[in-house]
PDB file of N, CA and C in Angstrom:
ATOM      1  N   UNK A   1      54.751 180.408 -11.547  1.00  0.00           N
ATOM      2  CA  UNK A   1      55.391 179.429 -12.530  1.00  0.00           C
ATOM      3  C   UNK A   1      56.794 180.014 -12.468  1.00  0.00           C
ATOM      4  N   UNK A   2      56.892 181.514 -12.614  1.00  0.00           N
ATOM      5  CA  UNK A   2      58.463 182.106 -12.683  1.00  0.00           C
ATOM      6  C   UNK A   2      59.176 181.823 -11.310  1.00  0.00           C
ATOM      7  N   UNK A   3      58.253 181.599 -10.514  1.00  0.00           N
ATOM      8  CA  UNK A   3      59.163 181.242  -8.899  1.00  0.00           C
ATOM      9  C   UNK A   3      59.606 179.874  -9.085  1.00  0.00           C
ATOM     10  N   UNK A   4      58.834 179.043  -9.706  1.00  0.00           N
ATOM     11  CA  UNK A   4      59.324 177.716  -9.661  1.00  0.00           C
ATOM     12  C   UNK A   4      60.637 177.525 -10.677  1.00  0.00           C
ATOM     13  N   UNK A   5      60.685 178.234 -11.713  1.00  0.00           N
ATOM     14  CA  UNK A   5      61.777 178.235 -12.653  1.00  0.00           C
ATOM     15  C   UNK A   5      63.128 178.632 -11.989  1.00  0.00           C
ATOM     16  N   UNK A   6      62.784 179.970 -11.149  1.00  0.00           N
ATOM     17  CA  UNK A   6      63.980 180.547 -10.504  1.00  0.00           C
ATOM     18  C   UNK A   6      64.560 179.569  -9.411  1.00  0.00           C
ATOM     19  N   UNK A   7      63.538 178.804  -8.858  1.00  0.00           N
ATOM     20  CA  UNK A   7      64.023 178.011  -7.735  1.00  0.00           C
ATOM     21  C   UNK A   7      64.806 176.834  -8.352  1.00  0.00           C
ATOM     22  N   UNK A   8      64.396 176.556  -9.598  1.00  0.00           N
ATOM     23  CA  UNK A   8      65.086 175.197 -10.318  1.00  0.00           C
ATOM     24  C   UNK A   8      66.512 175.804 -10.682  1.00  0.00           C
ATOM     25  N   UNK A   9      66.587 176.793 -11.165  1.00  0.00           N
ATOM     26  CA  UNK A   9      67.817 177.376 -11.721  1.00  0.00           C
ATOM     27  C   UNK A   9      68.657 177.527 -10.456  1.00  0.00           C
ATOM     28  N   UNK A  10      68.290 178.108  -9.409  1.00  0.00           N
ATOM     29  CA  UNK A  10      69.198 178.309  -8.209  1.00  0.00           C
ATOM     30  C   UNK A  10      69.628 177.108  -7.640  1.00  0.00           C
ATOM     31  N   UNK A  11      68.809 175.783  -7.527  1.00  0.00           N
ATOM     32  CA  UNK A  11      69.022 174.697  -7.232  1.00  0.00           C
ATOM     33  C   UNK A  11      70.166 173.994  -8.038  1.00  0.00           C
ATOM     34  N   UNK A  12      69.884 174.215  -9.487  1.00  0.00           N
ATOM     35  CA  UNK A  12      71.169 173.753 -10.321  1.00  0.00           C
ATOM     36  C   UNK A  12      72.412 174.204 -10.135  1.00  0.00           C
ATOM     37  N   UNK A  13      72.412 175.578  -9.975  1.00  0.00           N
ATOM     38  CA  UNK A  13      73.822 176.204  -9.750  1.00  0.00           C
ATOM     39  C   UNK A  13      74.427 175.692  -8.346  1.00  0.00           C
ATOM     40  N   UNK A  14      73.300 175.527  -7.361  1.00  0.00           N
ATOM     41  CA  UNK A  14      73.969 175.046  -6.003  1.00  0.00           C
ATOM     42  C   UNK A  14      74.604 173.461  -6.053  1.00  0.00           C
ATOM     43  N   UNK A  15      73.931 172.790  -6.778  1.00  0.00           N
ATOM     44  CA  UNK A  15      74.604 171.302  -6.849  1.00  0.00           C
ATOM     45  C   UNK A  15      75.745 171.413  -7.636  1.00  0.00           C
ATOM     46  N   UNK A  16      75.756 172.370  -9.015  1.00  0.00           N
ATOM     47  CA  UNK A  16      76.971 172.337  -9.541  1.00  0.00           C
ATOM     48  C   UNK A  16      78.083 172.695  -8.633  1.00  0.00           C
ATOM     49  N   UNK A  17      77.889 173.572  -7.745  1.00  0.00           N
ATOM     50  CA  UNK A  17      79.080 174.028  -7.119  1.00  0.00           C
ATOM     51  C   UNK A  17      79.564 173.093  -6.099  1.00  0.00           C
ATOM     52  N   UNK A  18      78.512 172.246  -5.730  1.00  0.00           N
ATOM     53  CA  UNK A  18      79.018 171.338  -4.730  1.00  0.00           C
ATOM     54  C   UNK A  18      79.658 170.246  -5.771  1.00  0.00           C
ATOM     55  N   UNK A  19      79.194 170.036  -6.739  1.00  0.00           N
ATOM     56  CA  UNK A  19      79.933 169.064  -7.483  1.00  0.00           C
ATOM     57  C   UNK A  19      81.441 169.340  -7.774  1.00  0.00           C
ATOM     58  N   UNK A  20      81.595 170.845  -8.147  1.00  0.00           N
ATOM     59  CA  UNK A  20      83.038 171.228  -8.447  1.00  0.00           C
ATOM     60  C   UNK A  20      83.779 171.237  -7.299  1.00  0.00           C
ATOM     61  N   UNK A  21      83.220 171.416  -6.272  1.00  0.00           N
ATOM     62  CA  UNK A  21      84.037 171.464  -4.844  1.00  0.00           C
ATOM     63  C   UNK A  21      84.308 169.985  -4.733  1.00  0.00           C
ATOM     64  N   UNK A  22      83.849 168.871  -4.789  1.00  0.00           N
ATOM     65  CA  UNK A  22      83.928 167.517  -4.556  1.00  0.00           C
ATOM     66  C   UNK A  22      85.024 167.016  -5.548  1.00  0.00           C
ATOM     67  N   UNK A  23      84.996 167.623  -6.912  1.00  0.00           N
ATOM     68  CA  UNK A  23      85.913 167.143  -7.680  1.00  0.00           C
ATOM     69  C   UNK A  23      87.195 167.602  -7.583  1.00  0.00           C
ATOM     70  N   UNK A  24      87.593 168.618  -6.566  1.00  0.00           N
ATOM     71  CA  UNK A  24      88.892 169.190  -6.604  1.00  0.00           C
ATOM     72  C   UNK A  24      90.115 168.114  -5.969  1.00  0.00           C
ATOM     73  N   UNK A  25      90.882 167.847  -6.655  1.00  0.00           N
ATOM     74  CA  UNK A  25      91.869 166.979  -6.342  1.00  0.00           C
ATOM     75  C   UNK A  25      93.206 167.476  -6.326  1.00  0.00           C
ATOM     76  N   UNK A  26      93.489 168.445  -5.772  1.00  0.00           N
ATOM     77  CA  UNK A  26      94.796 169.283  -5.509  1.00  0.00           C
ATOM     78  C   UNK A  26      95.738 168.350  -4.568  1.00  0.00           C
ATOM     79  N   UNK A  27      97.020 168.187  -4.943  1.00  0.00           N
ATOM     80  CA  UNK A  27      97.807 167.222  -4.217  1.00  0.00           C
ATOM     81  C   UNK A  27      98.335 168.210  -2.762  1.00  0.00           C
ATOM     82  N   UNK A  28      98.426 167.303  -1.922  1.00  0.00           N
ATOM     83  CA  UNK A  28      98.803 167.940  -0.498  1.00  0.00           C
ATOM     84  C   UNK A  28     100.294 168.702  -0.732  1.00  0.00           C
ATOM     85  N   UNK A  29     100.511 169.422   0.200  1.00  0.00           N
ATOM     86  CA  UNK A  29     101.838 170.195   0.048  1.00  0.00           C
ATOM     87  C   UNK A  29     102.841 169.279   0.343  1.00  0.00           C
ATOM     88  N   UNK A  30     104.069 169.368  -0.334  1.00  0.00           N
ATOM     89  CA  UNK A  30     105.198 168.540  -0.110  1.00  0.00           C
ATOM     90  C   UNK A  30     105.716 169.021   1.299  1.00  0.00           C
ATOM     91  N   UNK A  31     106.206 168.040   1.962  1.00  0.00           N
ATOM     92  CA  UNK A  31     106.945 168.035   3.225  1.00  0.00           C
ATOM     93  C   UNK A  31     108.538 167.840   2.992  1.00  0.00           C
ATOM     94  N   UNK A  32     109.213 168.551   3.289  1.00  0.00           N
ATOM     95  CA  UNK A  32     110.693 168.435   3.303  1.00  0.00           C
ATOM     96  C   UNK A  32     111.167 167.595   4.596  1.00  0.00           C
ATOM     97  N   UNK A  33     111.507 166.043   4.143  1.00  0.00           N
ATOM     98  CA  UNK A  33     111.782 165.131   5.035  1.00  0.00           C
ATOM     99  C   UNK A  33     113.139 165.454   5.790  1.00  0.00           C
ATOM    100  N   UNK A  34     113.907 165.828   4.975  1.00  0.00           N
ATOM    101  CA  UNK A  34     115.361 166.088   5.554  1.00  0.00           C
ATOM    102  C   UNK A  34     115.318 167.130   6.583  1.00  0.00           C
ATOM    103  N   UNK A  35     114.436 168.239   6.539  1.00  0.00           N
ATOM    104  CA  UNK A  35     114.544 169.124   7.350  1.00  0.00           C
ATOM    105  C   UNK A  35     113.818 168.590   8.710  1.00  0.00           C
ATOM    106  N   UNK A  36     112.879 167.754   8.520  1.00  0.00           N
ATOM    107  CA  UNK A  36     112.232 167.160   9.825  1.00  0.00           C
ATOM    108  C   UNK A  36     113.238 166.329  10.395  1.00  0.00           C
ATOM    109  N   UNK A  37     114.184 165.587   9.688  1.00  0.00           N
ATOM    110  CA  UNK A  37     114.941 164.686  10.571  1.00  0.00           C
ATOM    111  C   UNK A  37     116.020 165.483  11.202  1.00  0.00           C
ATOM    112  N   UNK A  38     116.589 166.565  10.629  1.00  0.00           N
ATOM    113  CA  UNK A  38     117.541 167.481  11.101  1.00  0.00           C
ATOM    114  C   UNK A  38     117.017 167.959  12.401  1.00  0.00           C
ATOM    115  N   UNK A  39     115.713 168.320  12.405  1.00  0.00           N
ATOM    116  CA  UNK A  39     114.950 168.820  13.467  1.00  0.00           C
ATOM    117  C   UNK A  39     115.083 167.949  14.724  1.00  0.00           C
ATOM    118  N   UNK A  40     114.743 166.603  14.392  1.00  0.00           N
ATOM    119  CA  UNK A  40     114.511 165.592  15.328  1.00  0.00           C
ATOM    120  C   UNK A  40     115.889 165.213  15.898  1.00  0.00           C
ATOM    121  N   UNK A  41     116.955 165.169  14.933  1.00  0.00           N
ATOM    122  CA  UNK A  41     118.060 164.802  15.451  1.00  0.00           C
ATOM    123  C   UNK A  41     118.739 165.847  16.398  1.00  0.00           C
ATOM    124  N   UNK A  42     118.638 167.043  15.828  1.00  0.00           N
ATOM    125  CA  UNK A  42     119.092 168.222  16.872  1.00  0.00           C
ATOM    126  C   UNK A  42     118.367 168.191  18.355  1.00  0.00           C
ATOM    127  N   UNK A  43     117.209 167.910  18.325  1.00  0.00           N
ATOM    128  CA  UNK A  43     116.454 167.853  19.577  1.00  0.00           C
ATOM    129  C   UNK A  43     116.894 166.569  20.557  1.00  0.00           C
ATOM    130  N   UNK A  44     117.193 165.434  19.763  1.00  0.00           N
ATOM    131  CA  UNK A  44     117.621 164.467  20.543  1.00  0.00           C
ATOM    132  C   UNK A  44     119.067 164.661  20.992  1.00  0.00           C
ATOM    133  N   UNK A  45     119.929 165.408  20.372  1.00  0.00           N
ATOM    134  CA  UNK A  45     120.997 165.659  20.741  1.00  0.00           C
ATOM    135  C   UNK A  45     121.219 166.784  21.981  1.00  0.00           C
ATOM    136  N   UNK A  46     120.163 167.705  21.952  1.00  0.00           N
ATOM    137  CA  UNK A  46     119.971 168.538  23.008  1.00  0.00           C
ATOM    138  C   UNK A  46     119.394 167.711  24.296  1.00  0.00           C
ATOM    139  N   UNK A  47     118.628 166.819  23.969  1.00  0.00           N
ATOM    140  CA  UNK A  47     117.927 166.013  25.161  1.00  0.00           C
ATOM    141  C   UNK A  47     119.226 165.159  25.845  1.00  0.00           C
ATOM    142  N   UNK A  48     119.917 164.823  25.377  1.00  0.00           N
ATOM    143  CA  UNK A  48     121.264 163.744  25.492  1.00  0.00           C
ATOM    144  C   UNK A  48     122.150 164.749  26.398  1.00  0.00           C
ATOM    145  N   UNK A  49     122.048 166.095  26.259  1.00  0.00           N
ATOM    146  CA  UNK A  49     123.068 166.712  26.994  1.00  0.00           C
ATOM    147  C   UNK A  49     122.608 167.549  28.198  1.00  0.00           C
ATOM    148  N   UNK A  50     121.103 167.284  28.493  1.00  0.00           N
ATOM    149  CA  UNK A  50     120.387 167.469  29.579  1.00  0.00           C
ATOM    150  C   UNK A  50     120.798 166.622  30.889  1.00  0.00           C
ATOM    151  N   UNK A  51     120.745 167.527  31.978  1.00  0.00           N
ATOM    152  CA  UNK A  51     121.065 166.924  33.336  1.00  0.00           C
ATOM    153  C   UNK A  51     119.873 166.310  33.726  1.00  0.00           C
ATOM    154  N   UNK A  52     119.708 165.262  34.478  1.00  0.00           N
ATOM    155  CA  UNK A  52     118.410 164.514  35.074  1.00  0.00           C
ATOM    156  C   UNK A  52     117.550 165.699  35.790  1.00  0.00           C
ATOM    157  N   UNK A  53     118.005 166.655  36.174  1.00  0.00           N
ATOM    158  CA  UNK A  53     117.159 167.726  36.989  1.00  0.00           C
ATOM    159  C   UNK A  53     116.525 168.722  35.854  1.00  0.00           C
ATOM    160  N   UNK A  54     117.161 168.857  34.860  1.00  0.00           N
ATOM    161  CA  UNK A  54     116.523 169.691  33.568  1.00  0.00           C
ATOM    162  C   UNK A  54     115.688 168.841  33.073  1.00  0.00           C
ATOM    163  N   UNK A  55     115.869 167.373  32.786  1.00  0.00           N
ATOM    164  CA  UNK A  55     114.852 166.480  32.146  1.00  0.00           C
ATOM    165  C   UNK A  55     113.541 166.661  33.019  1.00  0.00           C
ATOM    166  N   UNK A  56     113.726 166.547  34.231  1.00  0.00           N
ATOM    167  CA  UNK A  56     112.354 166.305  35.067  1.00  0.00           C
ATOM    168  C   UNK A  56     111.675 167.867  34.966  1.00  0.00           C
ATOM    169  N   UNK A  57     112.495 168.993  35.033  1.00  0.00           N
ATOM    170  CA  UNK A  57     111.822 170.042  34.894  1.00  0.00           C
ATOM    171  C   UNK A  57     111.073 170.242  33.403  1.00  0.00           C
ATOM    172  N   UNK A  58     111.721 169.672  32.382  1.00  0.00           N
ATOM    173  CA  UNK A  58     111.188 169.883  31.125  1.00  0.00           C
ATOM    174  C   UNK A  58     109.968 169.135  31.199  1.00  0.00           C
ATOM    175  N   UNK A  59     109.921 167.958  31.737  1.00  0.00           N
ATOM    176  CA  UNK A  59     108.745 167.069  31.711  1.00  0.00           C
ATOM    177  C   UNK A  59     107.596 167.680  32.361  1.00  0.00           C
ATOM    178  N   UNK A  60     108.019 168.411  33.489  1.00  0.00           N
ATOM    179  CA  UNK A  60     106.827 168.985  34.262  1.00  0.00           C
ATOM    180  C   UNK A  60     106.260 169.942  33.753  1.00  0.00           C
ATOM    181  N   UNK A  61     107.326 170.857  32.920  1.00  0.00           N
ATOM    182  CA  UNK A  61     106.855 172.033  32.136  1.00  0.00           C
ATOM    183  C   UNK A  61     105.477 171.644  31.058  1.00  0.00           C
ATOM    184  N   UNK A  62     106.055 170.364  30.473  1.00  0.00           N
ATOM    185  CA  UNK A  62     105.110 169.983  29.392  1.00  0.00           C
ATOM    186  C   UNK A  62     104.053 169.111  29.663  1.00  0.00           C
ATOM    187  N   UNK A  63     104.072 168.587  30.849  1.00  0.00           N
ATOM    188  CA  UNK A  63     102.796 168.246  31.683  1.00  0.00           C
ATOM    189  C   UNK A  63     101.815 169.445  31.994  1.00  0.00           C
ATOM    190  N   UNK A  64     102.335 170.416  32.309  1.00  0.00           N
ATOM    191  CA  UNK A  64     101.444 171.794  32.759  1.00  0.00           C
ATOM    192  C   UNK A  64     100.984 172.231  31.635  1.00  0.00           C
ATOM    193  N   UNK A  65     101.660 172.371  30.453  1.00  0.00           N
ATOM    194  CA  UNK A  65     101.139 173.083  29.027  1.00  0.00           C
ATOM    195  C   UNK A  65     100.159 171.861  28.652  1.00  0.00           C
ATOM    196  N   UNK A  66     100.110 170.735  28.604  1.00  0.00           N
ATOM    197  CA  UNK A  66      99.239 169.846  28.312  1.00  0.00           C
ATOM    198  C   UNK A  66      98.005 170.039  28.921  1.00  0.00           C
ATOM    199  N   UNK A  67      98.186 170.121  30.268  1.00  0.00           N
ATOM    200  CA  UNK A  67      96.983 170.092  31.234  1.00  0.00           C
ATOM    201  C   UNK A  67      96.153 171.307  30.910  1.00  0.00           C
ATOM    202  N   UNK A  68      96.951 172.383  30.885  1.00  0.00           N
ATOM    203  CA  UNK A  68      96.498 173.665  30.395  1.00  0.00           C
ATOM    204  C   UNK A  68      95.484 173.770  29.066  1.00  0.00           C
ATOM    205  N   UNK A  69      96.019 173.017  28.130  1.00  0.00           N
ATOM    206  CA  UNK A  69      95.425 172.867  26.841  1.00  0.00           C
ATOM    207  C   UNK A  69      94.116 171.821  26.921  1.00  0.00           C
ATOM    208  N   UNK A  70      94.178 170.835  27.659  1.00  0.00           N
ATOM    209  CA  UNK A  70      92.850 169.957  27.621  1.00  0.00           C
ATOM    210  C   UNK A  70      92.054 170.904  28.488  1.00  0.00           C
ATOM    211  N   UNK A  71      92.425 171.610  29.663  1.00  0.00           N
ATOM    212  CA  UNK A  71      91.300 172.146  30.292  1.00  0.00           C
ATOM    213  C   UNK A  71      90.495 173.509  29.503  1.00  0.00           C
ATOM    214  N   UNK A  72      91.521 173.976  28.571  1.00  0.00           N
ATOM    215  CA  UNK A  72      90.845 175.098  27.772  1.00  0.00           C
ATOM    216  C   UNK A  72      89.867 174.331  26.821  1.00  0.00           C
ATOM    217  N   UNK A  73      90.156 172.954  26.410  1.00  0.00           N
ATOM    218  CA  UNK A  73      89.411 172.319  25.414  1.00  0.00           C
ATOM    219  C   UNK A  73      87.995 172.048  25.999  1.00  0.00           C
ATOM    220  N   UNK A  74      88.247 171.700  27.499  1.00  0.00           N
ATOM    221  CA  UNK A  74      87.064 171.028  28.084  1.00  0.00           C
ATOM    222  C   UNK A  74      85.969 172.261  28.142  1.00  0.00           C
ATOM    223  N   UNK A  75      86.397 173.393  28.386  1.00  0.00           N
ATOM    224  CA  UNK A  75      85.448 174.605  28.601  1.00  0.00           C
ATOM    225  C   UNK A  75      84.831 174.858  27.305  1.00  0.00           C
ATOM    226  N   UNK A  76      85.275 174.900  26.063  1.00  0.00           N
ATOM    227  CA  UNK A  76      84.847 174.968  25.054  1.00  0.00           C
ATOM    228  C   UNK A  76      83.919 173.914  24.325  1.00  0.00           C
ATOM    229  N   UNK A  77      84.348 172.434  24.435  1.00  0.00           N
ATOM    230  CA  UNK A  77      83.950 171.586  23.829  1.00  0.00           C
ATOM    231  C   UNK A  77      83.072 170.534  24.709  1.00  0.00           C
ATOM    232  N   UNK A  78      82.421 170.821  25.824  1.00  0.00           N
ATOM    233  CA  UNK A  78      81.921 170.194  26.668  1.00  0.00           C
ATOM    234  C   UNK A  78      80.552 169.809  25.869  1.00  0.00           C
ATOM    235  N   UNK A  79      80.072 168.511  26.305  1.00  0.00           N
ATOM    236  CA  UNK A  79      78.957 167.825  25.699  1.00  0.00           C
ATOM    237  C   UNK A  79      77.564 168.705  26.237  1.00  0.00           C
ATOM    238  N   UNK A  80      76.687 169.251  25.442  1.00  0.00           N
ATOM    239  CA  UNK A  80      75.747 170.044  26.053  1.00  0.00           C
ATOM    240  C   UNK A  80      76.072 171.422  25.969  1.00  0.00           C
ATOM    241  N   UNK A  81      77.205 171.905  25.475  1.00  0.00           N
ATOM    242  CA  UNK A  81      77.580 173.142  24.995  1.00  0.00           C
ATOM    243  C   UNK A  81      78.232 173.920  26.086  1.00  0.00           C
ATOM    244  N   UNK A  82      78.121 175.155  26.286  1.00  0.00           N
ATOM    245  CA  UNK A  82      79.163 175.979  27.226  1.00  0.00           C
ATOM    246  C   UNK A  82      78.482 175.471  28.693  1.00  0.00           C
ATOM    247  N   UNK A  83      79.709 175.812  29.490  1.00  0.00           N
ATOM    248  CA  UNK A  83      79.523 175.483  31.194  1.00  0.00           C
ATOM    249  C   UNK A  83      78.644 176.503  31.682  1.00  0.00           C
ATOM    250  N   UNK A  84      78.138 176.104  32.596  1.00  0.00           N
ATOM    251  CA  UNK A  84      77.227 177.201  33.426  1.00  0.00           C
ATOM    252  C   UNK A  84      77.783 178.312  33.693  1.00  0.00           C
ATOM    253  N   UNK A  85      79.105 178.602  34.244  1.00  0.00           N
ATOM    254  CA  UNK A  85      79.980 179.632  34.399  1.00  0.00           C
ATOM    255  C   UNK A  85      80.060 180.331  33.238  1.00  0.00           C
ATOM    256  N   UNK A  86      80.281 179.813  32.006  1.00  0.00           N
ATOM    257  CA  UNK A  86      80.296 180.634  30.784  1.00  0.00           C
ATOM    258  C   UNK A  86      78.863 181.283  30.565  1.00  0.00           C
ATOM    259  N   UNK A  87      77.806 180.471  30.983  1.00  0.00           N
ATOM    260  CA  UNK A  87      76.494 181.117  30.505  1.00  0.00           C
ATOM    261  C   UNK A  87      76.137 182.172  31.371  1.00  0.00           C
ATOM    262  N   UNK A  88      76.511 182.187  32.641  1.00  0.00           N
ATOM    263  CA  UNK A  88      76.423 183.087  33.707  1.00  0.00           C
ATOM    264  C   UNK A  88      77.078 184.216  33.207  1.00  0.00           C
ATOM    265  N   UNK A  89      78.293 184.267  32.798  1.00  0.00           N
ATOM    266  CA  UNK A  89      79.102 185.205  32.307  1.00  0.00           C
ATOM    267  C   UNK A  89      78.442 186.017  31.195  1.00  0.00           C
ATOM    268  N   UNK A  90      78.029 185.220  30.369  1.00  0.00           N
ATOM    269  CA  UNK A  90      77.580 185.875  29.102  1.00  0.00           C
ATOM    270  C   UNK A  90      76.192 186.557  29.481  1.00  0.00           C
ATOM    271  N   UNK A  91      75.428 185.901  30.410  1.00  0.00           N
ATOM    272  CA  UNK A  91      74.220 186.793  30.890  1.00  0.00           C
ATOM    273  C   UNK A  91      74.410 188.042  31.689  1.00  0.00           C
ATOM    274  N   UNK A  92      75.660 188.026  32.546  1.00  0.00           N
ATOM    275  CA  UNK A  92      76.116 189.068  33.111  1.00  0.00           C
ATOM    276  C   UNK A  92      76.479 190.302  32.157  1.00  0.00           C
ATOM    277  N   UNK A  93      77.018 189.807  31.055  1.00  0.00           N
ATOM    278  CA  UNK A  93      77.414 191.041  29.846  1.00  0.00           C
ATOM    279  C   UNK A  93      76.324 191.516  29.261  1.00  0.00           C
ATOM    280  N   UNK A  94      75.477 190.438  28.930  1.00  0.00           N
ATOM    281  CA  UNK A  94      74.121 191.043  28.344  1.00  0.00           C
ATOM    282  C   UNK A  94      73.505 191.911  29.191  1.00  0.00           C
ATOM    283  N   UNK A  95      73.328 191.774  30.442  1.00  0.00           N
ATOM    284  CA  UNK A  95      72.341 192.787  31.307  1.00  0.00           C
ATOM    285  C   UNK A  95      72.940 194.034  31.524  1.00  0.00           C
ATOM    286  N   UNK A  96      74.459 193.994  31.539  1.00  0.00           N
ATOM    287  CA  UNK A  96      75.260 195.204  31.684  1.00  0.00           C
ATOM    288  C   UNK A  96      75.041 196.077  30.181  1.00  0.00           C
ATOM    289  N   UNK A  97      75.062 195.332  29.145  1.00  0.00           N
ATOM    290  CA  UNK A  97      74.982 196.024  27.915  1.00  0.00           C
ATOM    291  C   UNK A  97      73.280 196.603  27.778  1.00  0.00           C
ATOM    292  N   UNK A  98      72.486 195.817  28.386  1.00  0.00           N
ATOM    293  CA  UNK A  98      71.043 196.418  28.489  1.00  0.00           C
ATOM    294  C   UNK A  98      70.899 197.582  29.183  1.00  0.00           C
ATOM    295  N   UNK A  99      71.569 197.623  30.389  1.00  0.00           N
ATOM    296  CA  UNK A  99      71.449 198.844  31.290  1.00  0.00           C
ATOM    297  C   UNK A  99      71.979 200.076  30.853  1.00  0.00           C
ATOM    298  N   UNK A 100      73.076 199.959  29.804  1.00  0.00           N
ATOM    299  CA  UNK A 100      73.558 201.122  29.289  1.00  0.00           C
ATOM    300  C   UNK A 100      72.565 201.621  28.145  1.00  0.00           C
ATOM    301  N   UNK A 101      71.797 201.072  27.618  1.00  0.00           N
ATOM    302  CA  UNK A 101      70.904 201.628  26.638  1.00  0.00           C
ATOM    303  C   UNK A 101      69.693 202.266  27.235  1.00  0.00           C
ATOM    304  N   UNK A 102      69.298 203.528  26.479  1.00  0.00           N
ATOM    305  CA  UNK A 102      68.005 204.129  26.852  1.00  0.00           C
ATOM    306  C   UNK A 102      66.648 203.223  26.813  1.00  0.00           C
ATOM    307  N   UNK A 103      66.058 203.406  27.826  1.00  0.00           N
ATOM    308  CA  UNK A 103      64.763 202.870  27.652  1.00  0.00           C
ATOM    309  C   UNK A 103      63.599 203.392  26.769  1.00  0.00           C
ATOM    310  N   UNK A 104      62.758 202.622  26.234  1.00  0.00           N
ATOM    311  CA  UNK A 104      61.808 203.088  25.326  1.00  0.00           C
ATOM    312  C   UNK A 104      60.671 204.112  26.025  1.00  0.00           C
ATOM    313  N   UNK A 105      60.264 205.081  25.838  1.00  0.00           N
ATOM    314  CA  UNK A 105      59.265 205.800  26.017  1.00  0.00           C
ATOM    315  C   UNK A 105      57.668 205.188  25.675  1.00  0.00           C
ATOM    316  N   UNK A 106      56.939 204.972  26.559  1.00  0.00           N
ATOM    317  CA  UNK A 106      55.877 204.291  26.046  1.00  0.00           C
ATOM    318  C   UNK A 106      54.661 205.326  25.563  1.00  0.00           C
ATOM    319  N   UNK A 107      54.659 206.633  25.831  1.00  0.00           N
ATOM    320  CA  UNK A 107      53.912 207.482  25.203  1.00  0.00           C
ATOM    321  C   UNK A 107      54.227 208.626  24.411  1.00  0.00           C
ATOM    322  N   UNK A 108      53.342 209.245  23.492  1.00  0.00           N
ATOM    323  CA  UNK A 108      53.916 210.346  22.679  1.00  0.00           C
ATOM    324  C   UNK A 108      54.279 211.480  23.604  1.00  0.00           C
ATOM    325  N   UNK A 109      53.637 211.953  24.541  1.00  0.00           N
ATOM    326  CA  UNK A 109      53.709 213.133  25.669  1.00  0.00           C
ATOM    327  C   UNK A 109      55.194 212.756  26.341  1.00  0.00           C
ATOM    328  N   UNK A 110      55.594 211.722  26.645  1.00  0.00           N
ATOM    329  CA  UNK A 110      56.744 211.334  27.199  1.00  0.00           C
ATOM    330  C   UNK A 110      57.925 211.579  26.385  1.00  0.00           C
ATOM    331  N   UNK A 111      57.688 211.029  25.055  1.00  0.00           N
ATOM    332  CA  UNK A 111      58.665 211.175  24.046  1.00  0.00           C
ATOM    333  C   UNK A 111      58.964 212.883  23.800  1.00  0.00           C
ATOM    334  N   UNK A 112      57.898 213.411  23.698  1.00  0.00           N
ATOM    335  CA  UNK A 112      58.043 214.952  23.259  1.00  0.00           C
ATOM    336  C   UNK A 112      58.517 215.753  24.708  1.00  0.00           C
ATOM    337  N   UNK A 113      58.118 215.394  25.713  1.00  0.00           N
ATOM    338  CA  UNK A 113      58.980 215.759  27.087  1.00  0.00           C
ATOM    339  C   UNK A 113      60.511 215.586  26.899  1.00  0.00           C
ATOM    340  N   UNK A 114      60.989 214.237  26.685  1.00  0.00           N
ATOM    341  CA  UNK A 114      62.383 214.090  26.568  1.00  0.00           C
ATOM    342  C   UNK A 114      62.955 214.750  25.514  1.00  0.00           C
ATOM    343  N   UNK A 115      62.409 214.926  24.505  1.00  0.00           N
ATOM    344  CA  UNK A 115      62.824 215.669  23.230  1.00  0.00           C
ATOM    345  C   UNK A 115      63.069 217.082  23.611  1.00  0.00           C
ATOM    346  N   UNK A 116      62.158 217.789  24.204  1.00  0.00           N
ATOM    347  CA  UNK A 116      62.577 219.277  24.703  1.00  0.00           C
ATOM    348  C   UNK A 116      63.708 219.102  25.776  1.00  0.00           C
ATOM    349  N   UNK A 117      63.636 218.295  26.594  1.00  0.00           N
ATOM    350  CA  UNK A 117      64.945 218.601  27.672  1.00  0.00           C
ATOM    351  C   UNK A 117      65.979 218.362  26.698  1.00  0.00           C
ATOM    352  N   UNK A 118      66.190 217.257  26.101  1.00  0.00           N
ATOM    353  CA  UNK A 118      67.462 217.391  25.223  1.00  0.00           C
ATOM    354  C   UNK A 118      68.001 218.571  24.620  1.00  0.00           C
ATOM    355  N   UNK A 119      66.729 219.094  23.828  1.00  0.00           N
ATOM    356  CA  UNK A 119      66.919 220.343  23.280  1.00  0.00           C
ATOM    357  C   UNK A 119      67.280 221.573  24.009  1.00  0.00           C
ATOM    358  N   UNK A 120      66.854 221.697  25.255  1.00  0.00           N
ATOM    359  CA  UNK A 120      67.251 222.770  26.265  1.00  0.00           C
ATOM    360  C   UNK A 120      68.687 222.533  26.755  1.00  0.00           C
ATOM    361  N   UNK A 121      69.282 221.024  26.964  1.00  0.00           N
ATOM    362  CA  UNK A 121      70.506 220.551  27.209  1.00  0.00           C
ATOM    363  C   UNK A 121      71.398 220.844  26.292  1.00  0.00           C
ATOM    364  N   UNK A 122      70.939 220.804  25.097  1.00  0.00           N
ATOM    365  CA  UNK A 122      72.029 220.892  23.766  1.00  0.00           C
ATOM    366  C   UNK A 122      72.221 222.444  23.582  1.00  0.00           C
ATOM    367  N   UNK A 123      71.184 223.397  23.697  1.00  0.00           N
ATOM    368  CA  UNK A 123      71.111 224.764  23.513  1.00  0.00           C
ATOM    369  C   UNK A 123      71.890 225.436  24.761  1.00  0.00           C
ATOM    370  N   UNK A 124      71.916 224.732  25.789  1.00  0.00           N
ATOM    371  CA  UNK A 124      72.405 225.365  27.018  1.00  0.00           C
ATOM    372  C   UNK A 124      74.044 225.139  27.283  1.00  0.00           C
ATOM    373  N   UNK A 125      74.486 224.417  26.366  1.00  0.00           N
ATOM    374  CA  UNK A 125      76.113 224.226  26.568  1.00  0.00           C
ATOM    375  C   UNK A 125      76.658 225.195  25.745  1.00  0.00           C
TER     376      UNK A 125
END
């Protein structure tokens, strides 16, 4: 009976917090329209002063940047999860980490022997 009451109380608090979060109606942060317009005008003026070669180079750089963003997004957001290459890299990291850890000793005698060897090494230093 006590478990049932505790569960009901916990559920009530959970639903209350969800309702409080849904009721949050804070206004969006104000945007300075004048500053945005000034930036846009400055960019237009700078673009007008560019030579055709500079414009072509800027377009090429922008395309390369966009392509880089898309390929990075494809790697992380493909349908079905991570790519096979990423899975293989993760598996390689896991095996490398596992090799660095000591193996468990199966019997008490081997554990005692290993402990004595460690004590000898520690006292010999």
